[in-house]
Amino acid sequence: MRATAQNVLFNLGRGVGGFGPLVIGLFVSHWSFTAAITLLALLYLLDIFATLYLLPKNQGSEDALGAIG
């Protein structure tokens, strides 16, 4: 079950990512190439921060580095 969900999400991301050239082309037609790339880079940064804050916290367990030292 876990592998199926992982593959579905991976391939969903690939499918959405396939629209990247179209989105960049639309942005470039309205703004500059630099503005389009900057906007998409900010979208990736927003995604990274959202992922970090939405990950579940492991309450009461040691992290891997704490167990070593």
PDB file of N, CA and C in Angstrom:
ATOM      1  N   MET A   1       0.820  -1.184   0.000  1.00  0.00           N
ATOM      2  CA  MET A   1       0.000   0.000   0.000  1.00  0.00           C
ATOM      3  C   MET A   1       0.870   1.256   0.000  1.00  0.00           C
ATOM      4  N   ARG A   2       1.915   1.272   0.818  1.00  0.00           N
ATOM      5  CA  ARG A   2       2.763   2.450   0.908  1.00  0.00           C
ATOM      6  C   ARG A   2       3.496   2.693  -0.403  1.00  0.00           C
ATOM      7  N   ALA A   3       3.975   1.619  -1.041  1.00  0.00           N
ATOM      8  CA  ALA A   3       4.682   1.772  -2.314  1.00  0.00           C
ATOM      9  C   ALA A   3       3.744   2.281  -3.399  1.00  0.00           C
ATOM     10  N   THR A   4       2.500   1.853  -3.374  1.00  0.00           N
ATOM     11  CA  THR A   4       1.529   2.323  -4.363  1.00  0.00           C
ATOM     12  C   THR A   4       1.287   3.817  -4.206  1.00  0.00           C
ATOM     13  N   ALA A   5       1.101   4.279  -2.989  1.00  0.00           N
ATOM     14  CA  ALA A   5       0.888   5.706  -2.741  1.00  0.00           C
ATOM     15  C   ALA A   5       2.114   6.511  -3.151  1.00  0.00           C
ATOM     16  N   GLN A   6       3.296   5.985  -2.854  1.00  0.00           N
ATOM     17  CA  GLN A   6       4.526   6.677  -3.221  1.00  0.00           C
ATOM     18  C   GLN A   6       4.624   6.818  -4.734  1.00  0.00           C
ATOM     19  N   ASN A   7       4.338   5.761  -5.463  1.00  0.00           N
ATOM     20  CA  ASN A   7       4.418   5.819  -6.920  1.00  0.00           C
ATOM     21  C   ASN A   7       3.347   6.721  -7.519  1.00  0.00           C
ATOM     22  N   VAL A   8       2.158   6.705  -6.952  1.00  0.00           N
ATOM     23  CA  VAL A   8       1.098   7.580  -7.455  1.00  0.00           C
ATOM     24  C   VAL A   8       1.497   9.039  -7.285  1.00  0.00           C
ATOM     25  N   LEU A   9       1.997   9.401  -6.107  1.00  0.00           N
ATOM     26  CA  LEU A   9       2.387  10.789  -5.870  1.00  0.00           C
ATOM     27  C   LEU A   9       3.583  11.192  -6.718  1.00  0.00           C
ATOM     28  N   PHE A  10       4.537  10.279  -6.896  1.00  0.00           N
ATOM     29  CA  PHE A  10       5.701  10.572  -7.728  1.00  0.00           C
ATOM     30  C   PHE A  10       5.265  10.851  -9.163  1.00  0.00           C
ATOM     31  N   ASN A  11       4.416   9.988  -9.705  1.00  0.00           N
ATOM     32  CA  ASN A  11       3.981  10.162 -11.088  1.00  0.00           C
ATOM     33  C   ASN A  11       3.026  11.340 -11.250  1.00  0.00           C
ATOM     34  N   LEU A  12       2.263  11.663 -10.220  1.00  0.00           N
ATOM     35  CA  LEU A  12       1.433  12.856 -10.260  1.00  0.00           C
ATOM     36  C   LEU A  12       2.313  14.108 -10.354  1.00  0.00           C
ATOM     37  N   GLY A  13       3.387  14.122  -9.584  1.00  0.00           N
ATOM     38  CA  GLY A  13       4.337  15.232  -9.657  1.00  0.00           C
ATOM     39  C   GLY A  13       4.984  15.345 -11.021  1.00  0.00           C
ATOM     40  N   ARG A  14       5.312  14.216 -11.619  1.00  0.00           N
ATOM     41  CA  ARG A  14       5.878  14.235 -12.972  1.00  0.00           C
ATOM     42  C   ARG A  14       4.878  14.786 -13.974  1.00  0.00           C
ATOM     43  N   GLY A  15       3.613  14.393 -13.810  1.00  0.00           N
ATOM     44  CA  GLY A  15       2.580  14.878 -14.725  1.00  0.00           C
ATOM     45  C   GLY A  15       2.366  16.379 -14.623  1.00  0.00           C
ATOM     46  N   VAL A  16       2.316  16.879 -13.398  1.00  0.00           N
ATOM     47  CA  VAL A  16       2.151  18.318 -13.191  1.00  0.00           C
ATOM     48  C   VAL A  16       3.399  19.059 -13.674  1.00  0.00           C
ATOM     49  N   GLY A  17       4.575  18.493 -13.414  1.00  0.00           N
ATOM     50  CA  GLY A  17       5.821  19.111 -13.853  1.00  0.00           C
ATOM     51  C   GLY A  17       5.951  19.187 -15.362  1.00  0.00           C
ATOM     52  N   GLY A  18       5.233  18.329 -16.059  1.00  0.00           N
ATOM     53  CA  GLY A  18       5.262  18.366 -17.516  1.00  0.00           C
ATOM     54  C   GLY A  18       4.673  19.644 -18.090  1.00  0.00           C
ATOM     55  N   PHE A  19       3.857  20.333 -17.303  1.00  0.00           N
ATOM     56  CA  PHE A  19       3.286  21.599 -17.750  1.00  0.00           C
ATOM     57  C   PHE A  19       4.239  22.774 -17.520  1.00  0.00           C
ATOM     58  N   GLY A  20       5.411  22.521 -16.951  1.00  0.00           N
ATOM     59  CA  GLY A  20       6.380  23.580 -16.671  1.00  0.00           C
ATOM     60  C   GLY A  20       6.744  24.427 -17.878  1.00  0.00           C
ATOM     61  N   PRO A  21       7.111  23.811 -19.005  1.00  0.00           N
ATOM     62  CA  PRO A  21       7.440  24.629 -20.180  1.00  0.00           C
ATOM     63  C   PRO A  21       6.273  25.499 -20.651  1.00  0.00           C
ATOM     64  N   LEU A  22       5.064  24.989 -20.556  1.00  0.00           N
ATOM     65  CA  LEU A  22       3.891  25.779 -20.943  1.00  0.00           C
ATOM     66  C   LEU A  22       3.713  26.970 -20.005  1.00  0.00           C
ATOM     67  N   VAL A  23       3.857  26.724 -18.714  1.00  0.00           N
ATOM     68  CA  VAL A  23       3.693  27.804 -17.725  1.00  0.00           C
ATOM     69  C   VAL A  23       4.777  28.859 -17.907  1.00  0.00           C
ATOM     70  N   ILE A  24       6.018  28.423 -18.112  1.00  0.00           N
ATOM     71  CA  ILE A  24       7.103  29.386 -18.321  1.00  0.00           C
ATOM     72  C   ILE A  24       6.850  30.188 -19.593  1.00  0.00           C
ATOM     73  N   GLY A  25       6.380  29.519 -20.647  1.00  0.00           N
ATOM     74  CA  GLY A  25       6.068  30.231 -21.889  1.00  0.00           C
ATOM     75  C   GLY A  25       4.988  31.281 -21.704  1.00  0.00           C
ATOM     76  N   LEU A  26       3.955  30.947 -20.933  1.00  0.00           N
ATOM     77  CA  LEU A  26       2.894  31.927 -20.668  1.00  0.00           C
ATOM     78  C   LEU A  26       3.413  33.100 -19.840  1.00  0.00           C
ATOM     79  N   PHE A  27       4.238  32.804 -18.842  1.00  0.00           N
ATOM     80  CA  PHE A  27       4.808  33.883 -18.027  1.00  0.00           C
ATOM     81  C   PHE A  27       5.710  34.780 -18.859  1.00  0.00           C
ATOM     82  N   VAL A  28       6.533  34.179 -19.712  1.00  0.00           N
ATOM     83  CA  VAL A  28       7.467  34.962 -20.519  1.00  0.00           C
ATOM     84  C   VAL A  28       6.709  35.847 -21.508  1.00  0.00           C
ATOM     85  N   SER A  29       5.557  35.378 -21.992  1.00  0.00           N
ATOM     86  CA  SER A  29       4.791  36.201 -22.935  1.00  0.00           C
ATOM     87  C   SER A  29       4.214  37.446 -22.257  1.00  0.00           C
ATOM     88  N   HIS A  30       4.033  37.409 -20.937  1.00  0.00           N
ATOM     89  CA  HIS A  30       3.500  38.568 -20.212  1.00  0.00           C
ATOM     90  C   HIS A  30       4.590  39.366 -19.505  1.00  0.00           C
ATOM     91  N   TRP A  31       5.595  38.687 -19.000  1.00  0.00           N
ATOM     92  CA  TRP A  31       6.691  39.324 -18.284  1.00  0.00           C
ATOM     93  C   TRP A  31       8.006  38.886 -18.905  1.00  0.00           C
ATOM     94  N   SER A  32       9.112  39.195 -18.251  1.00  0.00           N
ATOM     95  CA  SER A  32      10.423  38.785 -18.760  1.00  0.00           C
ATOM     96  C   SER A  32      10.739  37.359 -18.320  1.00  0.00           C
ATOM     97  N   PHE A  33      11.750  36.784 -18.951  1.00  0.00           N
ATOM     98  CA  PHE A  33      12.179  35.434 -18.594  1.00  0.00           C
ATOM     99  C   PHE A  33      12.688  35.399 -17.160  1.00  0.00           C
ATOM    100  N   THR A  34      13.406  36.430 -16.755  1.00  0.00           N
ATOM    101  CA  THR A  34      13.931  36.503 -15.391  1.00  0.00           C
ATOM    102  C   THR A  34      12.795  36.516 -14.368  1.00  0.00           C
ATOM    103  N   ALA A  35      11.752  37.273 -14.642  1.00  0.00           N
ATOM    104  CA  ALA A  35      10.613  37.320 -13.716  1.00  0.00           C
ATOM    105  C   ALA A  35       9.918  35.967 -13.641  1.00  0.00           C
ATOM    106  N   ALA A  36       9.803  35.271 -14.771  1.00  0.00           N
ATOM    107  CA  ALA A  36       9.150  33.958 -14.785  1.00  0.00           C
ATOM    108  C   ALA A  36       9.938  32.948 -13.963  1.00  0.00           C
ATOM    109  N   ILE A  37      11.243  32.897 -14.147  1.00  0.00           N
ATOM    110  CA  ILE A  37      12.080  31.951 -13.404  1.00  0.00           C
ATOM    111  C   ILE A  37      12.089  32.302 -11.920  1.00  0.00           C
ATOM    112  N   THR A  38      12.134  33.594 -11.597  1.00  0.00           N
ATOM    113  CA  THR A  38      12.111  34.016 -10.195  1.00  0.00           C
ATOM    114  C   THR A  38      10.800  33.613  -9.524  1.00  0.00           C
ATOM    115  N   LEU A  39       9.692  33.800 -10.205  1.00  0.00           N
ATOM    116  CA  LEU A  39       8.393  33.427  -9.648  1.00  0.00           C
ATOM    117  C   LEU A  39       8.308  31.926  -9.395  1.00  0.00           C
ATOM    118  N   LEU A  40       8.794  31.124 -10.327  1.00  0.00           N
ATOM    119  CA  LEU A  40       8.755  29.673 -10.139  1.00  0.00           C
ATOM    120  C   LEU A  40       9.733  29.219  -9.055  1.00  0.00           C
ATOM    121  N   ALA A  41      10.876  29.898  -8.924  1.00  0.00           N
ATOM    122  CA  ALA A  41      11.815  29.568  -7.849  1.00  0.00           C
ATOM    123  C   ALA A  41      11.199  29.879  -6.486  1.00  0.00           C
ATOM    124  N   LEU A  42      10.471  30.979  -6.392  1.00  0.00           N
ATOM    125  CA  LEU A  42       9.790  31.310  -5.138  1.00  0.00           C
ATOM    126  C   LEU A  42       8.711  30.287  -4.811  1.00  0.00           C
ATOM    127  N   LEU A  43       8.077  29.743  -5.831  1.00  0.00           N
ATOM    128  CA  LEU A  43       7.088  28.692  -5.617  1.00  0.00           C
ATOM    129  C   LEU A  43       7.743  27.450  -5.014  1.00  0.00           C
ATOM    130  N   TYR A  44       8.942  27.099  -5.492  1.00  0.00           N
ATOM    131  CA  TYR A  44       9.668  25.965  -4.923  1.00  0.00           C
ATOM    132  C   TYR A  44      10.063  26.238  -3.472  1.00  0.00           C
ATOM    133  N   LEU A  45      10.506  27.452  -3.178  1.00  0.00           N
ATOM    134  CA  LEU A  45      10.861  27.788  -1.796  1.00  0.00           C
ATOM    135  C   LEU A  45       9.642  27.706  -0.879  1.00  0.00           C
ATOM    136  N   LEU A  46       8.512  28.180  -1.350  1.00  0.00           N
ATOM    137  CA  LEU A  46       7.278  28.077  -0.572  1.00  0.00           C
ATOM    138  C   LEU A  46       6.930  26.618  -0.310  1.00  0.00           C
ATOM    139  N   ASP A  47       7.118  25.778  -1.300  1.00  0.00           N
ATOM    140  CA  ASP A  47       6.847  24.350  -1.148  1.00  0.00           C
ATOM    141  C   ASP A  47       7.790  23.707  -0.131  1.00  0.00           C
ATOM    142  N   ILE A  48       9.050  24.084  -0.148  1.00  0.00           N
ATOM    143  CA  ILE A  48      10.020  23.531   0.806  1.00  0.00           C
ATOM    144  C   ILE A  48       9.629  23.911   2.238  1.00  0.00           C
ATOM    145  N   PHE A  49       9.306  25.188   2.459  1.00  0.00           N
ATOM    146  CA  PHE A  49       8.927  25.623   3.803  1.00  0.00           C
ATOM    147  C   PHE A  49       7.627  24.966   4.257  1.00  0.00           C
ATOM    148  N   ALA A  50       6.664  24.822   3.359  1.00  0.00           N
ATOM    149  CA  ALA A  50       5.407  24.158   3.715  1.00  0.00           C
ATOM    150  C   ALA A  50       5.663  22.707   4.094  1.00  0.00           C
ATOM    151  N   THR A  51       6.540  22.043   3.363  1.00  0.00           N
ATOM    152  CA  THR A  51       6.858  20.650   3.671  1.00  0.00           C
ATOM    153  C   THR A  51       7.518  20.532   5.036  1.00  0.00           C
ATOM    154  N   LEU A  52       8.439  21.425   5.344  1.00  0.00           N
ATOM    155  CA  LEU A  52       9.125  21.369   6.633  1.00  0.00           C
ATOM    156  C   LEU A  52       8.164  21.584   7.794  1.00  0.00           C
ATOM    157  N   TYR A  53       7.210  22.492   7.633  1.00  0.00           N
ATOM    158  CA  TYR A  53       6.286  22.782   8.723  1.00  0.00           C
ATOM    159  C   TYR A  53       5.126  21.801   8.810  1.00  0.00           C
ATOM    160  N   LEU A  54       4.837  21.088   7.735  1.00  0.00           N
ATOM    161  CA  LEU A  54       3.717  20.153   7.751  1.00  0.00           C
ATOM    162  C   LEU A  54       4.125  18.723   8.062  1.00  0.00           C
ATOM    163  N   LEU A  55       5.433  18.450   8.118  1.00  0.00           N
ATOM    164  CA  LEU A  55       5.876  17.106   8.468  1.00  0.00           C
ATOM    165  C   LEU A  55       5.471  16.795   9.901  1.00  0.00           C
ATOM    166  N   PRO A  56       5.060  15.583  10.176  1.00  0.00           N
ATOM    167  CA  PRO A  56       4.673  15.241  11.546  1.00  0.00           C
ATOM    168  C   PRO A  56       5.886  15.238  12.474  1.00  0.00           C
ATOM    169  N   LYS A  57       5.660  15.657  13.687  1.00  0.00           N
ATOM    170  CA  LYS A  57       6.722  15.664  14.694  1.00  0.00           C
ATOM    171  C   LYS A  57       6.721  14.331  15.430  1.00  0.00           C
ATOM    172  N   ASN A  58       7.898  13.797  15.683  1.00  0.00           N
ATOM    173  CA  ASN A  58       8.030  12.549  16.444  1.00  0.00           C
ATOM    174  C   ASN A  58       8.193  12.903  17.916  1.00  0.00           C
ATOM    175  N   GLN A  59       7.133  12.794  18.671  1.00  0.00           N
ATOM    176  CA  GLN A  59       7.152  13.148  20.081  1.00  0.00           C
ATOM    177  C   GLN A  59       7.778  12.027  20.907  1.00  0.00           C
ATOM    178  N   GLY A  60       8.741  12.388  21.745  1.00  0.00           N
ATOM    179  CA  GLY A  60       9.319  11.439  22.677  1.00  0.00           C
ATOM    180  C   GLY A  60      10.307  10.461  22.075  1.00  0.00           C
ATOM    181  N   SER A  61      10.762  10.685  20.865  1.00  0.00           N
ATOM    182  CA  SER A  61      11.744   9.776  20.274  1.00  0.00           C
ATOM    183  C   SER A  61      13.020  10.548  19.978  1.00  0.00           C
ATOM    184  N   GLU A  62      14.134   9.827  20.017  1.00  0.00           N
ATOM    185  CA  GLU A  62      15.414  10.451  19.707  1.00  0.00           C
ATOM    186  C   GLU A  62      15.573  10.560  18.205  1.00  0.00           C
ATOM    187  N   ASP A  63      16.249  11.611  17.792  1.00  0.00           N
ATOM    188  CA  ASP A  63      16.584  11.657  16.385  1.00  0.00           C
ATOM    189  C   ASP A  63      17.850  10.838  16.145  1.00  0.00           C
ATOM    190  N   ALA A  64      18.196  10.619  14.909  1.00  0.00           N
ATOM    191  CA  ALA A  64      19.307   9.733  14.568  1.00  0.00           C
ATOM    192  C   ALA A  64      20.632  10.258  15.115  1.00  0.00           C
ATOM    193  N   LEU A  65      20.844  11.564  15.074  1.00  0.00           N
ATOM    194  CA  LEU A  65      22.106  12.110  15.562  1.00  0.00           C
ATOM    195  C   LEU A  65      22.202  12.026  17.082  1.00  0.00           C
ATOM    196  N   GLY A  66      21.100  12.156  17.787  1.00  0.00           N
ATOM    197  CA  GLY A  66      21.112  12.045  19.243  1.00  0.00           C
ATOM    198  C   GLY A  66      21.435  10.637  19.700  1.00  0.00           C
ATOM    199  N   ALA A  67      21.059   9.649  18.926  1.00  0.00           N
ATOM    200  CA  ALA A  67      21.333   8.261  19.289  1.00  0.00           C
ATOM    201  C   ALA A  67      22.802   7.910  19.092  1.00  0.00           C
ATOM    202  N   ILE A  68      23.491   8.609  18.196  1.00  0.00           N
ATOM    203  CA  ILE A  68      24.904   8.304  17.921  1.00  0.00           C
ATOM    204  C   ILE A  68      25.793   8.861  19.019  1.00  0.00           C
ATOM    205  N   GLY A  69      25.599  10.117  19.368  1.00  0.00           N
ATOM    206  CA  GLY A  69      26.530  10.769  20.284  1.00  0.00           C
ATOM    207  C   GLY A  69      25.977  10.875  21.617  1.00  0.00           C
TER     208      GLY A  69
END
